[in-house]
Amino acid sequence: MKQGFKILAIESSCDETSCAVVEDGRNCLSNIVSSQIDIHTRFGGVVPEVASRNHITAISNVVNLALKQANCSLNDIDAIAVTYGAGLIGSLLVGVSYAKGLSYATKKPLIAVNHIYGHIASNYLTYADLEPPFICLLVSGGHTAIIKVDDYNHHQIIGNTLDDAVGESFDKVARVLGLGYPGGPKIDACALNGKANIKFTKPNETMGYNFSFSGKKTAVINYIHKLEQAGKEIPINDICASFEVLATDDLIDKTLLACKNFKIDKIVVAGGVSANRRLREVLTEKAKQQNIKCYVPELKYCTDNAAMIGSAAYYAYKAGIGIADLTLAPNPSLSL
């Protein structure tokens, strides 16, 4: 591949409409994100039909802004990349359809990208020196997993959640506390002013590298309901701080265990929950104590964005994989 290979990438898997121009897989020339958080906050979560309709109205403007910010035209672009799964079917369909149209009109190659590969690749945009192999802790609203990344395009899940994703449990606890949506940032903010002094009834721990958050979430919700029934004040900040410890300690311990057992000295954190302050700080510090280097993405690359899709697409195209045609269809249940 030539030096300066530019990919225009589109991401629309959930409620962010995003377009980016990424050069050589590492250099982000632009990354425009149109968020729908304010729209979905009134519903307490993402409404799929509302999300897809807003993608339709936003996508053309987002693509034009990305090209303008990168000081490029479509003639300067070498390939078009798009998230085709996993995600909401209607949202994915908007991005995939638009990308196929661009590919057809410009005669540029079309690259289909797995959304999860994109989250892993977000760290390549932050760290110029990062290369596989490494252990990836993937933490988001839809996924929680420990992944052994052997090279840019070969990944092996070695641990997974058996029920809720960690981000989902943050959202549900925040809803019960009346903090609103999205729950992760709101719990993180409250935890800063609280003390982790509440010992929730701890559910049985899962074995190996797997996780379970349903029991943890239920323990916190039951604690809140008991206080309400007794007419007692709800210590929101302390609950948030205590739940944050309960939710993140298991993530941290099992990720470090995976590094030890697989003899890998690099950890990469990916997904929306990688923005969590405690997770970033404690995992980095504990990893350092064990001579393991911990990589966490810049906050702007933690949540869904097209730049991470452009980075993942570059390494797929370089390896001769992921190349699609106009029959490409969204796959909402796409696995790693």
C-alpha atoms as a PDB file:
ATOM      1  CA  MET A   1       0.000   0.000   0.000  1.00  0.00           C
ATOM      2  CA  LYS A   2       1.159   3.509  -0.774  1.00  0.00           C
ATOM      3  CA  GLN A   3       2.279   5.931   1.902  1.00  0.00           C
ATOM      4  CA  GLY A   4      -0.494   8.347   2.844  1.00  0.00           C
ATOM      5  CA  PHE A   5      -3.336   5.866   2.194  1.00  0.00           C
ATOM      6  CA  LYS A   6      -6.527   7.681   3.164  1.00  0.00           C
ATOM      7  CA  ILE A   7      -9.721   5.961   4.275  1.00  0.00           C
ATOM      8  CA  LEU A   8     -13.056   7.684   4.705  1.00  0.00           C
ATOM      9  CA  ALA A   9     -14.828   5.753   7.459  1.00  0.00           C
ATOM     10  CA  ILE A  10     -18.485   5.752   8.551  1.00  0.00           C
ATOM     11  CA  GLU A  11     -19.840   4.583  11.912  1.00  0.00           C
ATOM     12  CA  SER A  12     -23.582   4.395  12.688  1.00  0.00           C
ATOM     13  CA  SER A  13     -24.019   1.263  14.777  1.00  0.00           C
ATOM     14  CA  CYS A  14     -26.060   2.834  17.584  1.00  0.00           C
ATOM     15  CA  ASP A  15     -26.867   6.492  18.278  1.00  0.00           C
ATOM     16  CA  GLU A  16     -23.774   8.347  17.039  1.00  0.00           C
ATOM     17  CA  THR A  17     -23.470   9.328  13.388  1.00  0.00           C
ATOM     18  CA  SER A  18     -19.773   9.643  12.686  1.00  0.00           C
ATOM     19  CA  CYS A  19     -17.407  10.070   9.751  1.00  0.00           C
ATOM     20  CA  ALA A  20     -13.619  10.316   9.792  1.00  0.00           C
ATOM     21  CA  VAL A  21     -10.664  10.465   7.454  1.00  0.00           C
ATOM     22  CA  VAL A  22      -7.756   8.322   8.654  1.00  0.00           C
ATOM     23  CA  GLU A  23      -4.341   8.156   7.004  1.00  0.00           C
ATOM     24  CA  ASP A  24      -2.177   5.025   7.176  1.00  0.00           C
ATOM     25  CA  GLY A  25      -4.246   3.619  10.020  1.00  0.00           C
ATOM     26  CA  ARG A  26      -2.720   5.893  12.659  1.00  0.00           C
ATOM     27  CA  ASN A  27      -3.139   9.516  11.642  1.00  0.00           C
ATOM     28  CA  CYS A  28      -6.631  10.908  12.235  1.00  0.00           C
ATOM     29  CA  LEU A  29      -7.160  13.825   9.846  1.00  0.00           C
ATOM     30  CA  SER A  30     -10.765  14.369  10.939  1.00  0.00           C
ATOM     31  CA  ASN A  31     -13.340  12.748  13.183  1.00  0.00           C
ATOM     32  CA  ILE A  32     -16.849  14.212  13.217  1.00  0.00           C
ATOM     33  CA  VAL A  33     -19.391  12.768  15.655  1.00  0.00           C
ATOM     34  CA  SER A  34     -23.044  13.794  15.720  1.00  0.00           C
ATOM     35  CA  SER A  35     -24.420  12.516  19.024  1.00  0.00           C
ATOM     36  CA  GLN A  36     -28.062  11.753  19.771  1.00  0.00           C
ATOM     37  CA  ILE A  37     -27.651  11.634  23.567  1.00  0.00           C
ATOM     38  CA  ASP A  38     -29.912  14.635  24.172  1.00  0.00           C
ATOM     39  CA  ILE A  39     -32.620  13.065  22.009  1.00  0.00           C
ATOM     40  CA  HIS A  40     -32.586   9.679  23.760  1.00  0.00           C
ATOM     41  CA  THR A  41     -32.138  11.026  27.301  1.00  0.00           C
ATOM     42  CA  ARG A  42     -35.860  11.772  27.503  1.00  0.00           C
ATOM     43  CA  PHE A  43     -36.570   8.067  26.877  1.00  0.00           C
ATOM     44  CA  GLY A  44     -33.970   6.786  29.368  1.00  0.00           C
ATOM     45  CA  GLY A  45     -32.080   4.891  26.655  1.00  0.00           C
ATOM     46  CA  VAL A  46     -31.651   4.481  22.912  1.00  0.00           C
ATOM     47  CA  VAL A  47     -34.857   4.026  20.896  1.00  0.00           C
ATOM     48  CA  PRO A  48     -33.816   2.141  17.723  1.00  0.00           C
ATOM     49  CA  GLU A  49     -36.333   3.691  15.324  1.00  0.00           C
ATOM     50  CA  VAL A  50     -35.561   7.215  16.534  1.00  0.00           C
ATOM     51  CA  ALA A  51     -31.847   6.516  16.169  1.00  0.00           C
ATOM     52  CA  SER A  52     -32.109   5.338  12.567  1.00  0.00           C
ATOM     53  CA  ARG A  53     -34.236   8.319  11.538  1.00  0.00           C
ATOM     54  CA  ASN A  54     -31.711  10.742  12.994  1.00  0.00           C
ATOM     55  CA  HIS A  55     -28.847   8.952  11.220  1.00  0.00           C
ATOM     56  CA  ILE A  56     -30.631   9.590   7.922  1.00  0.00           C
ATOM     57  CA  THR A  57     -30.857  13.324   8.568  1.00  0.00           C
ATOM     58  CA  ALA A  58     -27.286  13.660   9.851  1.00  0.00           C
ATOM     59  CA  ILE A  59     -25.109  11.432   7.689  1.00  0.00           C
ATOM     60  CA  SER A  60     -24.587  13.603   4.599  1.00  0.00           C
ATOM     61  CA  ASN A  61     -23.643  16.625   6.667  1.00  0.00           C
ATOM     62  CA  VAL A  62     -21.272  14.568   8.846  1.00  0.00           C
ATOM     63  CA  VAL A  63     -19.467  13.168   5.774  1.00  0.00           C
ATOM     64  CA  ASN A  64     -19.089  16.629   4.249  1.00  0.00           C
ATOM     65  CA  LEU A  65     -17.750  18.059   7.512  1.00  0.00           C
ATOM     66  CA  ALA A  66     -15.228  15.222   7.842  1.00  0.00           C
ATOM     67  CA  LEU A  67     -13.876  15.853   4.344  1.00  0.00           C
ATOM     68  CA  LYS A  68     -13.720  19.603   4.998  1.00  0.00           C
ATOM     69  CA  GLN A  69     -11.914  19.185   8.330  1.00  0.00           C
ATOM     70  CA  ALA A  70      -9.389  16.827   6.690  1.00  0.00           C
ATOM     71  CA  ASN A  71      -8.915  19.327   3.838  1.00  0.00           C
ATOM     72  CA  CYS A  72      -9.776  16.553   1.385  1.00  0.00           C
ATOM     73  CA  SER A  73     -12.171  15.835  -1.426  1.00  0.00           C
ATOM     74  CA  LEU A  74     -13.503  12.425  -2.392  1.00  0.00           C
ATOM     75  CA  ASN A  75     -10.834  12.349  -5.097  1.00  0.00           C
ATOM     76  CA  ASP A  76      -8.178  12.242  -2.359  1.00  0.00           C
ATOM     77  CA  ILE A  77      -9.781   9.219  -0.666  1.00  0.00           C
ATOM     78  CA  ASP A  78      -8.373   5.754  -1.440  1.00  0.00           C
ATOM     79  CA  ALA A  79     -11.091   3.588   0.160  1.00  0.00           C
ATOM     80  CA  ILE A  80     -14.450   3.741   1.933  1.00  0.00           C
ATOM     81  CA  ALA A  81     -14.932   1.885   5.226  1.00  0.00           C
ATOM     82  CA  VAL A  82     -18.092   1.244   7.207  1.00  0.00           C
ATOM     83  CA  THR A  83     -19.264  -0.553  10.343  1.00  0.00           C
ATOM     84  CA  TYR A  84     -21.546  -3.400   9.258  1.00  0.00           C
ATOM     85  CA  GLY A  85     -22.058  -5.015  12.680  1.00  0.00           C
ATOM     86  CA  ALA A  86     -22.718  -5.470  15.489  1.00  0.00           C
ATOM     87  CA  GLY A  87     -25.366  -2.910  16.413  1.00  0.00           C
ATOM     88  CA  LEU A  88     -28.931  -1.801  15.754  1.00  0.00           C
ATOM     89  CA  ILE A  89     -30.177  -3.036  12.393  1.00  0.00           C
ATOM     90  CA  GLY A  90     -31.785   0.254  11.346  1.00  0.00           C
ATOM     91  CA  SER A  91     -28.786   2.329  12.373  1.00  0.00           C
ATOM     92  CA  LEU A  92     -26.335   0.008  10.638  1.00  0.00           C
ATOM     93  CA  LEU A  93     -28.444   0.033   7.481  1.00  0.00           C
ATOM     94  CA  VAL A  94     -28.125   3.810   7.133  1.00  0.00           C
ATOM     95  CA  GLY A  95     -24.320   3.746   7.323  1.00  0.00           C
ATOM     96  CA  VAL A  96     -23.887   0.676   5.130  1.00  0.00           C
ATOM     97  CA  SER A  97     -26.225   2.042   2.450  1.00  0.00           C
ATOM     98  CA  TYR A  98     -24.483   5.407   2.372  1.00  0.00           C
ATOM     99  CA  ALA A  99     -21.029   3.820   2.214  1.00  0.00           C
ATOM    100  CA  LYS A 100     -22.071   1.521  -0.621  1.00  0.00           C
ATOM    101  CA  GLY A 101     -23.399   4.517  -2.513  1.00  0.00           C
ATOM    102  CA  LEU A 102     -20.122   6.391  -2.070  1.00  0.00           C
ATOM    103  CA  SER A 103     -18.114   3.349  -3.120  1.00  0.00           C
ATOM    104  CA  TYR A 104     -20.219   2.867  -6.251  1.00  0.00           C
ATOM    105  CA  ALA A 105     -20.157   6.540  -7.224  1.00  0.00           C
ATOM    106  CA  THR A 106     -16.418   7.014  -6.673  1.00  0.00           C
ATOM    107  CA  LYS A 107     -15.279   3.513  -7.693  1.00  0.00           C
ATOM    108  CA  LYS A 108     -13.322   3.296  -4.440  1.00  0.00           C
ATOM    109  CA  PRO A 109     -12.877  -0.045  -2.594  1.00  0.00           C
ATOM    110  CA  LEU A 110     -15.411  -0.782   0.136  1.00  0.00           C
ATOM    111  CA  ILE A 111     -14.136  -2.200   3.444  1.00  0.00           C
ATOM    112  CA  ALA A 112     -16.530  -3.829   5.926  1.00  0.00           C
ATOM    113  CA  VAL A 113     -15.473  -3.428   9.567  1.00  0.00           C
ATOM    114  CA  ASN A 114     -16.525  -5.246  12.722  1.00  0.00           C
ATOM    115  CA  HIS A 115     -17.477  -2.625  15.325  1.00  0.00           C
ATOM    116  CA  ILE A 116     -15.510  -4.469  18.033  1.00  0.00           C
ATOM    117  CA  TYR A 117     -12.345  -4.499  15.920  1.00  0.00           C
ATOM    118  CA  GLY A 118     -12.836  -0.749  15.685  1.00  0.00           C
ATOM    119  CA  HIS A 119     -12.877  -0.287  19.452  1.00  0.00           C
ATOM    120  CA  ILE A 120      -9.646  -2.249  19.761  1.00  0.00           C
ATOM    121  CA  ALA A 121      -8.069  -0.133  16.992  1.00  0.00           C
ATOM    122  CA  SER A 122      -8.945   3.116  18.800  1.00  0.00           C
ATOM    123  CA  ASN A 123      -5.720   2.685  20.741  1.00  0.00           C
ATOM    124  CA  TYR A 124      -3.653   2.680  17.537  1.00  0.00           C
ATOM    125  CA  LEU A 125      -4.766   6.274  17.049  1.00  0.00           C
ATOM    126  CA  THR A 126      -3.551   7.213  20.528  1.00  0.00           C
ATOM    127  CA  TYR A 127      -0.279   5.255  20.663  1.00  0.00           C
ATOM    128  CA  ALA A 128       1.988   5.288  17.622  1.00  0.00           C
ATOM    129  CA  ASP A 129       4.166   2.544  19.114  1.00  0.00           C
ATOM    130  CA  LEU A 130       1.386   0.079  20.021  1.00  0.00           C
ATOM    131  CA  GLU A 131       1.500  -3.229  18.184  1.00  0.00           C
ATOM    132  CA  PRO A 132       0.015  -6.673  18.919  1.00  0.00           C
ATOM    133  CA  PRO A 133       0.196  -9.043  20.687  1.00  0.00           C
ATOM    134  CA  PHE A 134      -1.637  -7.761  23.771  1.00  0.00           C
ATOM    135  CA  ILE A 135      -4.545  -8.522  26.067  1.00  0.00           C
ATOM    136  CA  CYS A 136      -7.575  -6.309  25.421  1.00  0.00           C
ATOM    137  CA  LEU A 137     -10.199  -5.543  28.048  1.00  0.00           C
ATOM    138  CA  LEU A 138     -13.325  -4.639  26.066  1.00  0.00           C
ATOM    139  CA  VAL A 139     -15.900  -2.807  28.182  1.00  0.00           C
ATOM    140  CA  SER A 140     -18.998  -1.144  26.742  1.00  0.00           C
ATOM    141  CA  GLY A 141     -22.772  -0.967  26.964  1.00  0.00           C
ATOM    142  CA  GLY A 142     -23.152  -4.064  24.821  1.00  0.00           C
ATOM    143  CA  HIS A 143     -19.959  -6.049  25.410  1.00  0.00           C
ATOM    144  CA  THR A 144     -17.650  -7.075  28.221  1.00  0.00           C
ATOM    145  CA  ALA A 145     -14.817  -9.411  27.303  1.00  0.00           C
ATOM    146  CA  ILE A 146     -11.149 -10.205  27.643  1.00  0.00           C
ATOM    147  CA  ILE A 147      -9.605 -10.677  24.223  1.00  0.00           C
ATOM    148  CA  LYS A 148      -6.215 -12.045  23.267  1.00  0.00           C
ATOM    149  CA  VAL A 149      -5.100 -10.001  20.261  1.00  0.00           C
ATOM    150  CA  ASP A 150      -2.477 -11.955  18.341  1.00  0.00           C
ATOM    151  CA  ASP A 151      -2.136  -9.530  15.431  1.00  0.00           C
ATOM    152  CA  TYR A 152      -4.118  -6.730  13.814  1.00  0.00           C
ATOM    153  CA  ASN A 153      -6.746  -9.059  12.383  1.00  0.00           C
ATOM    154  CA  HIS A 154      -6.733 -12.142  14.610  1.00  0.00           C
ATOM    155  CA  HIS A 155      -8.485 -12.008  17.964  1.00  0.00           C
ATOM    156  CA  GLN A 156      -9.489 -14.679  20.447  1.00  0.00           C
ATOM    157  CA  ILE A 157     -12.094 -14.166  23.182  1.00  0.00           C
ATOM    158  CA  ILE A 158     -10.846 -15.806  26.364  1.00  0.00           C
ATOM    159  CA  GLY A 159     -13.428 -14.332  28.737  1.00  0.00           C
ATOM    160  CA  ASN A 160     -16.929 -12.963  28.320  1.00  0.00           C
ATOM    161  CA  THR A 161     -19.896 -11.732  30.310  1.00  0.00           C
ATOM    162  CA  LEU A 162     -22.418 -14.414  31.138  1.00  0.00           C
ATOM    163  CA  ASP A 163     -25.289 -11.921  31.383  1.00  0.00           C
ATOM    164  CA  ASP A 164     -25.247  -8.105  31.410  1.00  0.00           C
ATOM    165  CA  ALA A 165     -22.470  -5.985  29.944  1.00  0.00           C
ATOM    166  CA  VAL A 166     -20.751  -3.701  32.452  1.00  0.00           C
ATOM    167  CA  GLY A 167     -21.976  -0.563  30.686  1.00  0.00           C
ATOM    168  CA  GLU A 168     -25.535  -1.862  30.778  1.00  0.00           C
ATOM    169  CA  SER A 169     -25.295  -2.413  34.530  1.00  0.00           C
ATOM    170  CA  PHE A 170     -24.032   1.158  35.009  1.00  0.00           C
ATOM    171  CA  ASP A 171     -27.044   2.441  33.059  1.00  0.00           C
ATOM    172  CA  LYS A 172     -29.515   0.385  35.097  1.00  0.00           C
ATOM    173  CA  VAL A 173     -28.081   1.418  38.473  1.00  0.00           C
ATOM    174  CA  ALA A 174     -28.059   5.056  37.368  1.00  0.00           C
ATOM    175  CA  ARG A 175     -31.712   4.780  36.318  1.00  0.00           C
ATOM    176  CA  VAL A 176     -32.746   3.439  39.736  1.00  0.00           C
ATOM    177  CA  LEU A 177     -30.837   6.283  41.401  1.00  0.00           C
ATOM    178  CA  GLY A 178     -32.627   8.786  39.181  1.00  0.00           C
ATOM    179  CA  LEU A 179     -29.407   9.987  37.558  1.00  0.00           C
ATOM    180  CA  GLY A 180     -30.634   9.576  33.981  1.00  0.00           C
ATOM    181  CA  TYR A 181     -28.969   8.416  30.786  1.00  0.00           C
ATOM    182  CA  PRO A 182     -26.189   7.643  29.975  1.00  0.00           C
ATOM    183  CA  GLY A 183     -25.428   6.120  33.347  1.00  0.00           C
ATOM    184  CA  GLY A 184     -21.670   5.540  33.189  1.00  0.00           C
ATOM    185  CA  PRO A 185     -20.487   9.180  33.160  1.00  0.00           C
ATOM    186  CA  LYS A 186     -23.091  10.175  35.763  1.00  0.00           C
ATOM    187  CA  ILE A 187     -22.069   7.419  38.189  1.00  0.00           C
ATOM    188  CA  ASP A 188     -18.405   8.283  37.634  1.00  0.00           C
ATOM    189  CA  ALA A 189     -19.066  11.947  38.442  1.00  0.00           C
ATOM    190  CA  CYS A 190     -21.022  11.128  41.615  1.00  0.00           C
ATOM    191  CA  ALA A 191     -18.372   8.636  42.739  1.00  0.00           C
ATOM    192  CA  LEU A 192     -15.802  11.435  42.838  1.00  0.00           C
ATOM    193  CA  ASN A 193     -17.736  12.952  45.748  1.00  0.00           C
ATOM    194  CA  GLY A 194     -18.491   9.688  47.512  1.00  0.00           C
ATOM    195  CA  LYS A 195     -16.793   7.041  49.616  1.00  0.00           C
ATOM    196  CA  ALA A 196     -16.663   3.357  48.703  1.00  0.00           C
ATOM    197  CA  ASN A 197     -17.846   2.373  52.180  1.00  0.00           C
ATOM    198  CA  ILE A 198     -20.849   0.188  51.318  1.00  0.00           C
ATOM    199  CA  LYS A 199     -20.416  -3.569  51.209  1.00  0.00           C
ATOM    200  CA  PHE A 200     -23.129  -4.923  48.962  1.00  0.00           C
ATOM    201  CA  THR A 201     -24.231  -8.546  49.230  1.00  0.00           C
ATOM    202  CA  LYS A 202     -21.707 -10.068  46.870  1.00  0.00           C
ATOM    203  CA  PRO A 203     -22.986 -12.699  44.417  1.00  0.00           C
ATOM    204  CA  ASN A 204     -21.039 -15.848  43.663  1.00  0.00           C
ATOM    205  CA  GLU A 205     -18.050 -15.016  41.470  1.00  0.00           C
ATOM    206  CA  THR A 206     -17.636 -16.600  38.074  1.00  0.00           C
ATOM    207  CA  MET A 207     -14.656 -18.802  37.403  1.00  0.00           C
ATOM    208  CA  GLY A 208     -11.842 -18.232  34.951  1.00  0.00           C
ATOM    209  CA  TYR A 209     -11.937 -15.074  32.861  1.00  0.00           C
ATOM    210  CA  ASN A 210     -15.729 -14.756  32.587  1.00  0.00           C
ATOM    211  CA  PHE A 211     -17.822 -12.036  34.202  1.00  0.00           C
ATOM    212  CA  SER A 212     -21.293 -11.660  35.659  1.00  0.00           C
ATOM    213  CA  PHE A 213     -22.847  -8.265  36.349  1.00  0.00           C
ATOM    214  CA  SER A 214     -26.486  -9.180  36.807  1.00  0.00           C
ATOM    215  CA  GLY A 215     -25.991 -10.176  40.452  1.00  0.00           C
ATOM    216  CA  LYS A 216     -23.863  -7.126  41.205  1.00  0.00           C
ATOM    217  CA  LYS A 217     -26.446  -4.802  39.687  1.00  0.00           C
ATOM    218  CA  THR A 218     -29.261  -6.538  41.574  1.00  0.00           C
ATOM    219  CA  ALA A 219     -27.366  -6.278  44.885  1.00  0.00           C
ATOM    220  CA  VAL A 220     -27.089  -2.509  44.483  1.00  0.00           C
ATOM    221  CA  ILE A 221     -30.720  -2.088  43.398  1.00  0.00           C
ATOM    222  CA  ASN A 222     -31.941  -4.183  46.366  1.00  0.00           C
ATOM    223  CA  TYR A 223     -29.850  -2.042  48.717  1.00  0.00           C
ATOM    224  CA  ILE A 224     -31.463   1.109  47.327  1.00  0.00           C
ATOM    225  CA  HIS A 225     -34.979  -0.340  47.571  1.00  0.00           C
ATOM    226  CA  LYS A 226     -34.455  -1.365  51.223  1.00  0.00           C
ATOM    227  CA  LEU A 227     -33.419   2.177  52.122  1.00  0.00           C
ATOM    228  CA  GLU A 228     -36.454   3.575  50.297  1.00  0.00           C
ATOM    229  CA  GLN A 229     -38.824   1.180  52.068  1.00  0.00           C
ATOM    230  CA  ALA A 230     -37.338   2.173  55.422  1.00  0.00           C
ATOM    231  CA  GLY A 231     -37.748   5.848  54.583  1.00  0.00           C
ATOM    232  CA  LYS A 232     -34.025   6.474  54.866  1.00  0.00           C
ATOM    233  CA  GLU A 233     -31.920   8.925  52.877  1.00  0.00           C
ATOM    234  CA  ILE A 234     -30.231   7.494  49.769  1.00  0.00           C
ATOM    235  CA  PRO A 235     -26.458   8.211  49.879  1.00  0.00           C
ATOM    236  CA  ILE A 236     -26.167   8.522  46.105  1.00  0.00           C
ATOM    237  CA  ASN A 237     -22.489   9.459  45.959  1.00  0.00           C
ATOM    238  CA  ASP A 238     -21.414   6.651  48.295  1.00  0.00           C
ATOM    239  CA  ILE A 239     -23.529   4.113  46.392  1.00  0.00           C
ATOM    240  CA  CYS A 240     -21.928   5.208  43.125  1.00  0.00           C
ATOM    241  CA  ALA A 241     -18.414   4.994  44.552  1.00  0.00           C
ATOM    242  CA  SER A 242     -19.076   1.574  46.085  1.00  0.00           C
ATOM    243  CA  PHE A 243     -20.729   0.193  42.954  1.00  0.00           C
ATOM    244  CA  GLU A 244     -17.845   1.470  40.827  1.00  0.00           C
ATOM    245  CA  VAL A 245     -15.407  -0.545  42.960  1.00  0.00           C
ATOM    246  CA  LEU A 246     -17.655  -3.617  42.843  1.00  0.00           C
ATOM    247  CA  ALA A 247     -17.969  -3.414  39.055  1.00  0.00           C
ATOM    248  CA  THR A 248     -14.366  -2.623  38.137  1.00  0.00           C
ATOM    249  CA  ASP A 249     -12.322  -4.758  40.561  1.00  0.00           C
ATOM    250  CA  ASP A 250     -13.310  -7.987  38.813  1.00  0.00           C
ATOM    251  CA  LEU A 251     -12.446  -6.479  35.417  1.00  0.00           C
ATOM    252  CA  ILE A 252      -9.036  -5.402  36.641  1.00  0.00           C
ATOM    253  CA  ASP A 253      -8.110  -8.629  38.444  1.00  0.00           C
ATOM    254  CA  LYS A 254      -9.064 -10.958  35.602  1.00  0.00           C
ATOM    255  CA  THR A 255      -7.335  -8.848  32.953  1.00  0.00           C
ATOM    256  CA  LEU A 256      -4.106  -8.929  34.937  1.00  0.00           C
ATOM    257  CA  LEU A 257      -4.530 -12.681  35.465  1.00  0.00           C
ATOM    258  CA  ALA A 258      -4.840 -13.169  31.701  1.00  0.00           C
ATOM    259  CA  CYS A 259      -1.588 -11.264  31.140  1.00  0.00           C
ATOM    260  CA  LYS A 260       0.168 -13.427  33.694  1.00  0.00           C
ATOM    261  CA  ASN A 261      -1.117 -16.740  32.342  1.00  0.00           C
ATOM    262  CA  PHE A 262      -0.505 -15.890  28.671  1.00  0.00           C
ATOM    263  CA  LYS A 263       2.832 -14.198  29.464  1.00  0.00           C
ATOM    264  CA  ILE A 264       1.860 -10.946  27.729  1.00  0.00           C
ATOM    265  CA  ASP A 265       3.103  -7.623  29.082  1.00  0.00           C
ATOM    266  CA  LYS A 266       0.660  -5.237  27.385  1.00  0.00           C
ATOM    267  CA  ILE A 267      -2.959  -4.407  28.231  1.00  0.00           C
ATOM    268  CA  VAL A 268      -5.254  -2.406  25.959  1.00  0.00           C
ATOM    269  CA  VAL A 269      -8.595  -1.082  27.208  1.00  0.00           C
ATOM    270  CA  ALA A 270     -11.369  -0.414  24.680  1.00  0.00           C
ATOM    271  CA  GLY A 271     -15.054   0.527  24.583  1.00  0.00           C
ATOM    272  CA  GLY A 272     -17.165   3.254  26.151  1.00  0.00           C
ATOM    273  CA  VAL A 273     -16.501   2.180  29.752  1.00  0.00           C
ATOM    274  CA  SER A 274     -12.758   2.663  29.122  1.00  0.00           C
ATOM    275  CA  ALA A 275     -13.543   6.312  29.930  1.00  0.00           C
ATOM    276  CA  ASN A 276     -14.269   5.333  33.550  1.00  0.00           C
ATOM    277  CA  ARG A 277     -11.823   7.186  35.770  1.00  0.00           C
ATOM    278  CA  ARG A 278     -11.329   4.469  38.393  1.00  0.00           C
ATOM    279  CA  LEU A 279     -10.873   1.701  35.844  1.00  0.00           C
ATOM    280  CA  ARG A 280      -8.214   3.697  33.998  1.00  0.00           C
ATOM    281  CA  GLU A 281      -6.316   4.755  37.114  1.00  0.00           C
ATOM    282  CA  VAL A 282      -6.378   1.514  39.107  1.00  0.00           C
ATOM    283  CA  LEU A 283      -5.690  -0.793  36.173  1.00  0.00           C
ATOM    284  CA  THR A 284      -2.764   1.376  35.035  1.00  0.00           C
ATOM    285  CA  GLU A 285      -1.280   1.439  38.534  1.00  0.00           C
ATOM    286  CA  LYS A 286      -1.697  -2.300  39.222  1.00  0.00           C
ATOM    287  CA  ALA A 287      -0.325  -3.154  35.783  1.00  0.00           C
ATOM    288  CA  LYS A 288       2.733  -0.994  36.450  1.00  0.00           C
ATOM    289  CA  GLN A 289       3.363  -2.870  39.690  1.00  0.00           C
ATOM    290  CA  GLN A 290       3.523  -6.088  37.642  1.00  0.00           C
ATOM    291  CA  ASN A 291       5.727  -4.587  34.884  1.00  0.00           C
ATOM    292  CA  ILE A 292       2.814  -4.550  32.454  1.00  0.00           C
ATOM    293  CA  LYS A 293       2.190  -1.543  30.239  1.00  0.00           C
ATOM    294  CA  CYS A 294      -1.412  -0.380  30.118  1.00  0.00           C
ATOM    295  CA  TYR A 295      -2.834   1.509  27.136  1.00  0.00           C
ATOM    296  CA  VAL A 296      -6.079   3.461  27.454  1.00  0.00           C
ATOM    297  CA  PRO A 297      -7.489   5.454  24.515  1.00  0.00           C
ATOM    298  CA  GLU A 298      -7.961   9.199  24.512  1.00  0.00           C
ATOM    299  CA  LEU A 299     -11.406  10.024  25.850  1.00  0.00           C
ATOM    300  CA  LYS A 300     -12.588  11.149  22.406  1.00  0.00           C
ATOM    301  CA  TYR A 301     -11.913   7.632  21.072  1.00  0.00           C
ATOM    302  CA  CYS A 302     -13.589   5.736  23.950  1.00  0.00           C
ATOM    303  CA  THR A 303     -17.156   6.042  22.702  1.00  0.00           C
ATOM    304  CA  ASP A 304     -18.352   5.160  19.205  1.00  0.00           C
ATOM    305  CA  ASN A 305     -16.522   7.098  16.491  1.00  0.00           C
ATOM    306  CA  ALA A 306     -15.525   6.623  12.861  1.00  0.00           C
ATOM    307  CA  ALA A 307     -11.792   7.176  13.343  1.00  0.00           C
ATOM    308  CA  MET A 308     -11.447   3.798  15.066  1.00  0.00           C
ATOM    309  CA  ILE A 309     -13.287   2.204  12.139  1.00  0.00           C
ATOM    310  CA  GLY A 310     -10.855   3.821   9.708  1.00  0.00           C
ATOM    311  CA  SER A 311      -7.887   2.493  11.657  1.00  0.00           C
ATOM    312  CA  ALA A 312      -9.261  -1.070  11.780  1.00  0.00           C
ATOM    313  CA  ALA A 313     -10.134  -0.869   8.071  1.00  0.00           C
ATOM    314  CA  TYR A 314      -6.571   0.063   7.148  1.00  0.00           C
ATOM    315  CA  TYR A 315      -5.094  -3.065   8.715  1.00  0.00           C
ATOM    316  CA  ALA A 316      -7.821  -5.275   7.259  1.00  0.00           C
ATOM    317  CA  TYR A 317      -7.305  -3.881   3.753  1.00  0.00           C
ATOM    318  CA  LYS A 318      -3.538  -4.175   4.115  1.00  0.00           C
ATOM    319  CA  ALA A 319      -3.990  -7.890   4.894  1.00  0.00           C
ATOM    320  CA  GLY A 320      -6.368  -8.331   1.955  1.00  0.00           C
ATOM    321  CA  ILE A 321      -9.440  -9.010   4.088  1.00  0.00           C
ATOM    322  CA  GLY A 322     -12.691  -7.202   4.747  1.00  0.00           C
ATOM    323  CA  ILE A 323     -13.099  -6.124   1.126  1.00  0.00           C
ATOM    324  CA  ALA A 324     -16.822  -5.987   0.306  1.00  0.00           C
ATOM    325  CA  ASP A 325     -19.066  -5.292  -2.664  1.00  0.00           C
ATOM    326  CA  LEU A 326     -22.552  -3.871  -3.150  1.00  0.00           C
ATOM    327  CA  THR A 327     -24.149  -7.013  -1.696  1.00  0.00           C
ATOM    328  CA  LEU A 328     -22.835  -6.036   1.768  1.00  0.00           C
ATOM    329  CA  ALA A 329     -25.643  -6.196   4.317  1.00  0.00           C
ATOM    330  CA  PRO A 330     -25.649  -5.117   7.984  1.00  0.00           C
ATOM    331  CA  ASN A 331     -25.261  -7.869  10.565  1.00  0.00           C
ATOM    332  CA  PRO A 332     -26.653  -6.682  13.925  1.00  0.00           C
ATOM    333  CA  SER A 333     -25.539  -9.828  15.776  1.00  0.00           C
ATOM    334  CA  LEU A 334     -22.029  -9.991  14.304  1.00  0.00           C
ATOM    335  CA  SER A 335     -19.617 -11.633  16.726  1.00  0.00           C
ATOM    336  CA  LEU A 336     -15.884 -11.198  17.082  1.00  0.00           C
END
